[in-house]
Amino acid sequence: MQHEILSKQKEKYIKSLSLTKFKQKYGKFISEGHKLATEIIQQKPLEIEYILATEEWTLANTSLLSQLADKIQIIDRIQLKDLSSQTTPQEPIVVANQFTLTELKHLDNSGWYIFLDRLQDPGNMGTILRVAEWFGVKAIIRSKGSVDFYNSKVVQAAMGSIVRMPIVLAELADVQEHLSSLSTVVTSLQGDNMYDVDIPAKGGIIIVGNESQGVHPDVESSADLRIKIPASPTNMAESLNAAMATGIVCSYLCR
């Protein structure tokens, strides 16, 4: 089976996708590594533009690639390192169309949602996507002030969850208006111990705030429920990592 060698023009195009403006311009994103590539190939094959891999990797994965021969671009180890955003490059590199965002109007007033209020760290967002899938959260909603879903570090940290989780771009006021039957829940040091709070029966919107500034005061004031994660009496830490806190909250609320 013949596979196309990556041209200089395509190499330049793929390198440009490391920048947000070109991701947005072309509506593409990049993933790296076998596990994530397998998820995309199996679940979203029609969204794939290119699969970049060495001859060795390609020959070792012929069954996985059987329907995608025309998408494969052969690269060498030097090109792999040059194109990769990882300290230790992993193949293959997949260039794919960004998946269609879920529209707010398609969300229903039951179950749990996570809203990201100006979240900036891509590792946190990726981990939160995985947490959300694990605990059965119905969708992740981000404000325009949060890091982009298709930031390369988000994609890598989220692993397969970026393929499977419904993702929404919307502002909180619109979310609260559409999901008006659900409670808005924020974590706050001034909140009630979450283990003493009655869990809303219908579900709710869990707000995750900015890493350094927390939830915006306007957002907190609009919340129906303010909760805190109780710490040990001997605790000296100032706060929890945003993704870690989200996991703890989801493990309790989304039971």
C-alpha atoms as a PDB file:
ATOM      1  CA  MET A   1       0.000   0.000   0.000  1.00  0.00           C
ATOM      2  CA  GLN A   2       1.496   3.331  -1.068  1.00  0.00           C
ATOM      3  CA  HIS A   3       1.311   6.303   1.288  1.00  0.00           C
ATOM      4  CA  GLU A   4       2.021   9.915   0.457  1.00  0.00           C
ATOM      5  CA  ILE A   5       5.213  11.549   1.729  1.00  0.00           C
ATOM      6  CA  LEU A   6       4.551  14.802   3.589  1.00  0.00           C
ATOM      7  CA  SER A   7       5.284  17.813   1.387  1.00  0.00           C
ATOM      8  CA  LYS A   8       6.931  21.020   2.603  1.00  0.00           C
ATOM      9  CA  GLN A   9       3.702  22.936   1.941  1.00  0.00           C
ATOM     10  CA  LYS A  10       1.643  20.557   4.089  1.00  0.00           C
ATOM     11  CA  GLU A  11       4.341  20.589   6.762  1.00  0.00           C
ATOM     12  CA  LYS A  12       4.114  24.381   6.948  1.00  0.00           C
ATOM     13  CA  TYR A  13       0.300  24.187   7.162  1.00  0.00           C
ATOM     14  CA  ILE A  14       0.382  21.611   9.975  1.00  0.00           C
ATOM     15  CA  LYS A  15       2.918  23.660  11.936  1.00  0.00           C
ATOM     16  CA  SER A  16       0.617  26.679  11.674  1.00  0.00           C
ATOM     17  CA  LEU A  17      -2.094  24.735  13.529  1.00  0.00           C
ATOM     18  CA  SER A  18      -0.096  25.051  16.734  1.00  0.00           C
ATOM     19  CA  LEU A  19      -1.363  28.648  16.830  1.00  0.00           C
ATOM     20  CA  THR A  20      -4.914  29.374  17.981  1.00  0.00           C
ATOM     21  CA  LYS A  21      -5.637  31.817  15.155  1.00  0.00           C
ATOM     22  CA  PHE A  22      -4.892  29.171  12.517  1.00  0.00           C
ATOM     23  CA  LYS A  23      -6.836  26.482  14.384  1.00  0.00           C
ATOM     24  CA  GLN A  24      -9.802  28.848  14.289  1.00  0.00           C
ATOM     25  CA  LYS A  25      -9.178  29.925  10.685  1.00  0.00           C
ATOM     26  CA  TYR A  26      -9.122  26.357   9.355  1.00  0.00           C
ATOM     27  CA  GLY A  27     -11.416  24.785  11.978  1.00  0.00           C
ATOM     28  CA  LYS A  28      -8.841  22.073  12.727  1.00  0.00           C
ATOM     29  CA  PHE A  29      -7.067  20.590  15.710  1.00  0.00           C
ATOM     30  CA  ILE A  30      -4.119  18.281  16.317  1.00  0.00           C
ATOM     31  CA  SER A  31      -3.856  15.196  18.507  1.00  0.00           C
ATOM     32  CA  GLU A  32      -0.787  13.134  19.290  1.00  0.00           C
ATOM     33  CA  GLY A  33      -0.319   9.562  20.409  1.00  0.00           C
ATOM     34  CA  HIS A  34      -1.697   6.113  19.635  1.00  0.00           C
ATOM     35  CA  LYS A  35      -4.539   5.988  22.168  1.00  0.00           C
ATOM     36  CA  LEU A  36      -6.132   9.281  21.166  1.00  0.00           C
ATOM     37  CA  ALA A  37      -5.609   8.557  17.468  1.00  0.00           C
ATOM     38  CA  THR A  38      -7.426   5.251  17.904  1.00  0.00           C
ATOM     39  CA  GLU A  39     -10.401   7.023  19.521  1.00  0.00           C
ATOM     40  CA  ILE A  40     -10.661   9.506  16.654  1.00  0.00           C
ATOM     41  CA  ILE A  41     -10.176   6.858  13.952  1.00  0.00           C
ATOM     42  CA  GLN A  42     -12.837   4.599  15.443  1.00  0.00           C
ATOM     43  CA  GLN A  43     -15.407   7.256  16.376  1.00  0.00           C
ATOM     44  CA  LYS A  44     -14.842  10.215  14.046  1.00  0.00           C
ATOM     45  CA  PRO A  45     -13.075   8.858  10.926  1.00  0.00           C
ATOM     46  CA  LEU A  46     -14.797  11.297   8.578  1.00  0.00           C
ATOM     47  CA  GLU A  47     -13.356  14.255  10.506  1.00  0.00           C
ATOM     48  CA  ILE A  48      -9.732  13.214   9.860  1.00  0.00           C
ATOM     49  CA  GLU A  49      -7.717  15.242   7.369  1.00  0.00           C
ATOM     50  CA  TYR A  50      -4.263  13.697   7.815  1.00  0.00           C
ATOM     51  CA  ILE A  51      -2.581  10.972   9.838  1.00  0.00           C
ATOM     52  CA  LEU A  52       1.159  11.626  10.103  1.00  0.00           C
ATOM     53  CA  ALA A  53       3.328   8.679  11.113  1.00  0.00           C
ATOM     54  CA  THR A  54       6.557   6.887  10.371  1.00  0.00           C
ATOM     55  CA  GLU A  55       6.622   3.941   7.966  1.00  0.00           C
ATOM     56  CA  GLU A  56       7.240   1.626  10.933  1.00  0.00           C
ATOM     57  CA  TRP A  57       4.163   2.779  12.869  1.00  0.00           C
ATOM     58  CA  THR A  58       2.011   2.652   9.747  1.00  0.00           C
ATOM     59  CA  LEU A  59       3.009  -0.925   8.929  1.00  0.00           C
ATOM     60  CA  ALA A  60       2.397  -1.984  12.541  1.00  0.00           C
ATOM     61  CA  ASN A  61      -1.158  -0.577  12.459  1.00  0.00           C
ATOM     62  CA  THR A  62      -2.459  -1.644   9.060  1.00  0.00           C
ATOM     63  CA  SER A  63      -5.754  -2.988  10.437  1.00  0.00           C
ATOM     64  CA  LEU A  64      -6.489   0.258  12.291  1.00  0.00           C
ATOM     65  CA  LEU A  65      -5.709   2.274   9.152  1.00  0.00           C
ATOM     66  CA  SER A  66      -7.372  -0.016   6.629  1.00  0.00           C
ATOM     67  CA  GLN A  67     -10.080   2.476   5.613  1.00  0.00           C
ATOM     68  CA  LEU A  68      -7.859   5.557   5.809  1.00  0.00           C
ATOM     69  CA  ALA A  69      -4.993   4.853   3.409  1.00  0.00           C
ATOM     70  CA  ASP A  70      -5.601   8.097   1.524  1.00  0.00           C
ATOM     71  CA  LYS A  71      -5.191  10.114   4.755  1.00  0.00           C
ATOM     72  CA  ILE A  72      -1.739   8.807   5.699  1.00  0.00           C
ATOM     73  CA  GLN A  73       1.312  11.043   5.323  1.00  0.00           C
ATOM     74  CA  ILE A  74       4.663   9.386   5.937  1.00  0.00           C
ATOM     75  CA  ILE A  75       7.157  11.314   8.084  1.00  0.00           C
ATOM     76  CA  ASP A  76      10.532  10.458   9.564  1.00  0.00           C
ATOM     77  CA  ARG A  77      11.670  10.772  13.194  1.00  0.00           C
ATOM     78  CA  ILE A  78      13.139  14.225  12.625  1.00  0.00           C
ATOM     79  CA  GLN A  79       9.856  15.519  11.180  1.00  0.00           C
ATOM     80  CA  LEU A  80       7.923  13.893  14.029  1.00  0.00           C
ATOM     81  CA  LYS A  81      10.000  15.792  16.570  1.00  0.00           C
ATOM     82  CA  ASP A  82       9.701  19.004  14.563  1.00  0.00           C
ATOM     83  CA  LEU A  83       5.913  18.771  14.254  1.00  0.00           C
ATOM     84  CA  SER A  84       5.188  17.560  17.788  1.00  0.00           C
ATOM     85  CA  SER A  85       4.203  19.863  20.645  1.00  0.00           C
ATOM     86  CA  GLN A  86       5.293  17.222  23.167  1.00  0.00           C
ATOM     87  CA  THR A  87       8.637  17.019  24.941  1.00  0.00           C
ATOM     88  CA  THR A  88       8.669  13.333  24.042  1.00  0.00           C
ATOM     89  CA  PRO A  89       6.961  13.087  20.617  1.00  0.00           C
ATOM     90  CA  GLN A  90       4.341  10.384  20.185  1.00  0.00           C
ATOM     91  CA  GLU A  91       2.975   9.107  16.917  1.00  0.00           C
ATOM     92  CA  PRO A  92       0.795   9.364  15.080  1.00  0.00           C
ATOM     93  CA  ILE A  93      -0.055  13.024  14.760  1.00  0.00           C
ATOM     94  CA  VAL A  94      -3.660  13.399  13.623  1.00  0.00           C
ATOM     95  CA  VAL A  95      -5.029  16.536  11.981  1.00  0.00           C
ATOM     96  CA  ALA A  96      -8.822  16.607  12.205  1.00  0.00           C
ATOM     97  CA  ASN A  97     -11.794  18.909  11.837  1.00  0.00           C
ATOM     98  CA  GLN A  98     -12.969  20.428  15.106  1.00  0.00           C
ATOM     99  CA  PHE A  99     -16.098  18.583  16.184  1.00  0.00           C
ATOM    100  CA  THR A 100     -19.394  20.433  15.946  1.00  0.00           C
ATOM    101  CA  LEU A 101     -20.225  22.230  19.194  1.00  0.00           C
ATOM    102  CA  THR A 102     -23.468  21.266  20.888  1.00  0.00           C
ATOM    103  CA  GLU A 103     -25.975  24.111  20.803  1.00  0.00           C
ATOM    104  CA  LEU A 104     -27.348  25.371  24.092  1.00  0.00           C
ATOM    105  CA  LYS A 105     -30.905  24.813  22.883  1.00  0.00           C
ATOM    106  CA  HIS A 106     -30.282  21.059  22.780  1.00  0.00           C
ATOM    107  CA  LEU A 107     -29.541  20.827  26.517  1.00  0.00           C
ATOM    108  CA  ASP A 108     -32.452  19.740  28.704  1.00  0.00           C
ATOM    109  CA  ASN A 109     -33.372  20.709  32.247  1.00  0.00           C
ATOM    110  CA  SER A 110     -32.200  17.573  33.991  1.00  0.00           C
ATOM    111  CA  GLY A 111     -28.886  16.126  35.116  1.00  0.00           C
ATOM    112  CA  TRP A 112     -25.578  17.831  35.776  1.00  0.00           C
ATOM    113  CA  TYR A 113     -23.583  20.301  33.692  1.00  0.00           C
ATOM    114  CA  ILE A 114     -20.232  21.994  34.279  1.00  0.00           C
ATOM    115  CA  PHE A 115     -19.748  25.652  33.376  1.00  0.00           C
ATOM    116  CA  LEU A 116     -16.178  26.983  33.115  1.00  0.00           C
ATOM    117  CA  ASP A 117     -15.920  30.611  34.223  1.00  0.00           C
ATOM    118  CA  ARG A 118     -12.698  32.069  32.730  1.00  0.00           C
ATOM    119  CA  LEU A 119     -10.724  28.845  33.295  1.00  0.00           C
ATOM    120  CA  GLN A 120      -7.250  29.415  31.862  1.00  0.00           C
ATOM    121  CA  ASP A 121      -5.114  26.316  32.386  1.00  0.00           C
ATOM    122  CA  PRO A 122      -5.437  23.839  29.487  1.00  0.00           C
ATOM    123  CA  GLY A 123      -4.344  20.927  31.681  1.00  0.00           C
ATOM    124  CA  ASN A 124      -7.198  21.707  34.070  1.00  0.00           C
ATOM    125  CA  MET A 125      -9.736  21.880  31.259  1.00  0.00           C
ATOM    126  CA  GLY A 126      -8.589  18.595  29.767  1.00  0.00           C
ATOM    127  CA  THR A 127      -8.741  16.883  33.147  1.00  0.00           C
ATOM    128  CA  ILE A 128     -12.189  18.345  33.827  1.00  0.00           C
ATOM    129  CA  LEU A 129     -13.415  16.876  30.528  1.00  0.00           C
ATOM    130  CA  ARG A 130     -12.258  13.459  31.730  1.00  0.00           C
ATOM    131  CA  VAL A 131     -13.814  14.005  35.178  1.00  0.00           C
ATOM    132  CA  ALA A 132     -17.095  15.047  33.548  1.00  0.00           C
ATOM    133  CA  GLU A 133     -17.263  11.924  31.424  1.00  0.00           C
ATOM    134  CA  TRP A 134     -16.386   9.696  34.387  1.00  0.00           C
ATOM    135  CA  PHE A 135     -19.196  11.070  36.557  1.00  0.00           C
ATOM    136  CA  GLY A 136     -21.835  11.271  33.827  1.00  0.00           C
ATOM    137  CA  VAL A 137     -21.945  15.054  33.447  1.00  0.00           C
ATOM    138  CA  LYS A 138     -24.111  15.778  30.398  1.00  0.00           C
ATOM    139  CA  ALA A 139     -22.037  18.583  28.840  1.00  0.00           C
ATOM    140  CA  ILE A 140     -19.149  20.951  29.461  1.00  0.00           C
ATOM    141  CA  ILE A 141     -19.984  24.608  28.827  1.00  0.00           C
ATOM    142  CA  ARG A 142     -17.289  27.265  28.627  1.00  0.00           C
ATOM    143  CA  SER A 143     -17.434  31.034  28.537  1.00  0.00           C
ATOM    144  CA  LYS A 144     -15.529  32.903  25.824  1.00  0.00           C
ATOM    145  CA  GLY A 145     -13.044  33.935  28.499  1.00  0.00           C
ATOM    146  CA  SER A 146     -11.942  30.336  29.082  1.00  0.00           C
ATOM    147  CA  VAL A 147      -9.161  28.463  27.291  1.00  0.00           C
ATOM    148  CA  ASP A 148     -10.140  27.018  23.910  1.00  0.00           C
ATOM    149  CA  PHE A 149     -11.402  23.433  23.809  1.00  0.00           C
ATOM    150  CA  TYR A 150      -8.928  22.619  21.025  1.00  0.00           C
ATOM    151  CA  ASN A 151      -5.790  23.960  22.646  1.00  0.00           C
ATOM    152  CA  SER A 152      -3.273  21.128  22.078  1.00  0.00           C
ATOM    153  CA  LYS A 153      -2.689  20.682  25.826  1.00  0.00           C
ATOM    154  CA  VAL A 154      -6.452  20.430  26.433  1.00  0.00           C
ATOM    155  CA  VAL A 155      -6.742  17.743  23.741  1.00  0.00           C
ATOM    156  CA  GLN A 156      -3.864  15.726  25.193  1.00  0.00           C
ATOM    157  CA  ALA A 157      -5.041  16.037  28.816  1.00  0.00           C
ATOM    158  CA  ALA A 158      -8.637  15.144  27.909  1.00  0.00           C
ATOM    159  CA  MET A 159      -7.577  12.043  25.982  1.00  0.00           C
ATOM    160  CA  GLY A 160     -10.632  10.364  24.447  1.00  0.00           C
ATOM    161  CA  SER A 161     -13.073  12.546  26.376  1.00  0.00           C
ATOM    162  CA  ILE A 162     -12.574  15.355  23.834  1.00  0.00           C
ATOM    163  CA  VAL A 163     -14.119  12.995  21.278  1.00  0.00           C
ATOM    164  CA  ARG A 164     -17.058  11.858  23.395  1.00  0.00           C
ATOM    165  CA  MET A 165     -18.116  14.724  25.688  1.00  0.00           C
ATOM    166  CA  PRO A 166     -20.681  17.247  24.382  1.00  0.00           C
ATOM    167  CA  ILE A 167     -19.027  20.688  24.483  1.00  0.00           C
ATOM    168  CA  VAL A 168     -20.841  24.024  24.429  1.00  0.00           C
ATOM    169  CA  LEU A 169     -19.751  27.654  24.043  1.00  0.00           C
ATOM    170  CA  ALA A 170     -22.125  30.017  25.873  1.00  0.00           C
ATOM    171  CA  GLU A 171     -22.265  32.724  28.533  1.00  0.00           C
ATOM    172  CA  LEU A 172     -23.639  31.954  31.978  1.00  0.00           C
ATOM    173  CA  ALA A 173     -26.667  34.256  31.771  1.00  0.00           C
ATOM    174  CA  ASP A 174     -27.850  32.394  28.649  1.00  0.00           C
ATOM    175  CA  VAL A 175     -27.158  29.026  30.282  1.00  0.00           C
ATOM    176  CA  GLN A 176     -29.140  29.958  33.391  1.00  0.00           C
ATOM    177  CA  GLU A 177     -32.015  31.234  31.281  1.00  0.00           C
ATOM    178  CA  HIS A 178     -32.170  28.068  29.184  1.00  0.00           C
ATOM    179  CA  LEU A 179     -31.605  25.664  32.098  1.00  0.00           C
ATOM    180  CA  SER A 180     -33.871  27.650  34.378  1.00  0.00           C
ATOM    181  CA  SER A 181     -35.155  24.591  36.265  1.00  0.00           C
ATOM    182  CA  LEU A 182     -31.657  23.683  37.452  1.00  0.00           C
ATOM    183  CA  SER A 183     -29.769  25.070  40.434  1.00  0.00           C
ATOM    184  CA  THR A 184     -26.487  26.928  39.953  1.00  0.00           C
ATOM    185  CA  VAL A 185     -23.821  25.601  42.319  1.00  0.00           C
ATOM    186  CA  VAL A 186     -20.526  27.346  43.142  1.00  0.00           C
ATOM    187  CA  THR A 187     -17.722  26.372  45.485  1.00  0.00           C
ATOM    188  CA  SER A 188     -16.851  29.094  47.968  1.00  0.00           C
ATOM    189  CA  LEU A 189     -14.876  29.280  51.204  1.00  0.00           C
ATOM    190  CA  GLN A 190     -17.960  31.000  52.621  1.00  0.00           C
ATOM    191  CA  GLY A 191     -20.235  28.211  51.413  1.00  0.00           C
ATOM    192  CA  ASP A 192     -21.928  25.423  53.362  1.00  0.00           C
ATOM    193  CA  ASN A 193     -20.150  22.116  53.900  1.00  0.00           C
ATOM    194  CA  MET A 194     -21.131  20.227  50.765  1.00  0.00           C
ATOM    195  CA  TYR A 195     -21.761  17.009  52.713  1.00  0.00           C
ATOM    196  CA  ASP A 196     -24.435  18.807  54.754  1.00  0.00           C
ATOM    197  CA  VAL A 197     -26.291  20.121  51.694  1.00  0.00           C
ATOM    198  CA  ASP A 198     -29.281  18.413  50.118  1.00  0.00           C
ATOM    199  CA  ILE A 199     -28.337  17.451  46.574  1.00  0.00           C
ATOM    200  CA  PRO A 200     -30.732  19.064  44.062  1.00  0.00           C
ATOM    201  CA  ALA A 201     -32.944  16.255  42.782  1.00  0.00           C
ATOM    202  CA  LYS A 202     -33.053  17.431  39.169  1.00  0.00           C
ATOM    203  CA  GLY A 203     -29.339  18.147  38.872  1.00  0.00           C
ATOM    204  CA  GLY A 204     -27.650  21.494  38.372  1.00  0.00           C
ATOM    205  CA  ILE A 205     -24.923  23.650  36.859  1.00  0.00           C
ATOM    206  CA  ILE A 206     -21.567  23.337  38.619  1.00  0.00           C
ATOM    207  CA  ILE A 207     -19.490  26.489  38.164  1.00  0.00           C
ATOM    208  CA  VAL A 208     -15.706  26.105  37.981  1.00  0.00           C
ATOM    209  CA  GLY A 209     -13.887  29.423  38.391  1.00  0.00           C
ATOM    210  CA  ASN A 210     -10.609  30.954  37.300  1.00  0.00           C
ATOM    211  CA  GLU A 211      -7.545  29.313  38.866  1.00  0.00           C
ATOM    212  CA  SER A 212      -6.204  32.450  40.559  1.00  0.00           C
ATOM    213  CA  GLN A 213      -9.342  34.579  40.971  1.00  0.00           C
ATOM    214  CA  GLY A 214     -11.979  31.933  41.569  1.00  0.00           C
ATOM    215  CA  VAL A 215     -15.568  32.408  40.474  1.00  0.00           C
ATOM    216  CA  HIS A 216     -16.415  35.988  39.445  1.00  0.00           C
ATOM    217  CA  PRO A 217     -18.347  37.829  42.202  1.00  0.00           C
ATOM    218  CA  ASP A 218     -21.280  38.413  39.824  1.00  0.00           C
ATOM    219  CA  VAL A 219     -21.409  34.689  39.098  1.00  0.00           C
ATOM    220  CA  GLU A 220     -21.230  33.789  42.782  1.00  0.00           C
ATOM    221  CA  SER A 221     -24.006  36.228  43.651  1.00  0.00           C
ATOM    222  CA  SER A 222     -26.266  34.607  41.064  1.00  0.00           C
ATOM    223  CA  ALA A 223     -25.756  31.102  42.481  1.00  0.00           C
ATOM    224  CA  ASP A 224     -28.559  29.159  44.138  1.00  0.00           C
ATOM    225  CA  LEU A 225     -26.187  27.086  46.226  1.00  0.00           C
ATOM    226  CA  ARG A 226     -22.751  27.893  47.651  1.00  0.00           C
ATOM    227  CA  ILE A 227     -20.787  24.938  48.926  1.00  0.00           C
ATOM    228  CA  LYS A 228     -17.291  24.293  50.211  1.00  0.00           C
ATOM    229  CA  ILE A 229     -15.147  21.185  50.282  1.00  0.00           C
ATOM    230  CA  PRO A 230     -14.314  20.674  53.970  1.00  0.00           C
ATOM    231  CA  ALA A 231     -10.611  20.507  54.774  1.00  0.00           C
ATOM    232  CA  SER A 232      -8.802  18.689  57.535  1.00  0.00           C
ATOM    233  CA  PRO A 233      -8.522  20.714  60.779  1.00  0.00           C
ATOM    234  CA  THR A 234      -4.741  20.588  60.314  1.00  0.00           C
ATOM    235  CA  ASN A 235      -4.837  21.791  56.695  1.00  0.00           C
ATOM    236  CA  MET A 236      -2.392  24.579  55.776  1.00  0.00           C
ATOM    237  CA  ALA A 237      -3.016  24.633  52.008  1.00  0.00           C
ATOM    238  CA  GLU A 238      -4.655  27.755  50.626  1.00  0.00           C
ATOM    239  CA  SER A 239      -6.796  26.019  48.011  1.00  0.00           C
ATOM    240  CA  LEU A 240      -7.278  22.964  45.803  1.00  0.00           C
ATOM    241  CA  ASN A 241      -6.392  22.687  42.117  1.00  0.00           C
ATOM    242  CA  ALA A 242      -9.465  23.503  39.983  1.00  0.00           C
ATOM    243  CA  ALA A 243      -9.642  20.098  38.314  1.00  0.00           C
ATOM    244  CA  MET A 244      -9.129  18.275  41.610  1.00  0.00           C
ATOM    245  CA  ALA A 245     -11.873  20.307  43.297  1.00  0.00           C
ATOM    246  CA  THR A 246     -14.200  19.609  40.375  1.00  0.00           C
ATOM    247  CA  GLY A 247     -13.595  15.887  40.730  1.00  0.00           C
ATOM    248  CA  ILE A 248     -14.402  15.960  44.456  1.00  0.00           C
ATOM    249  CA  VAL A 249     -17.571  17.995  43.922  1.00  0.00           C
ATOM    250  CA  CYS A 250     -18.744  15.763  41.057  1.00  0.00           C
ATOM    251  CA  SER A 251     -18.089  12.589  43.043  1.00  0.00           C
ATOM    252  CA  TYR A 252     -20.584  13.820  45.643  1.00  0.00           C
ATOM    253  CA  LEU A 253     -23.190  15.741  43.642  1.00  0.00           C
ATOM    254  CA  CYS A 254     -23.421  13.500  40.575  1.00  0.00           C
ATOM    255  CA  ARG A 255     -24.138  10.280  42.465  1.00  0.00           C
END
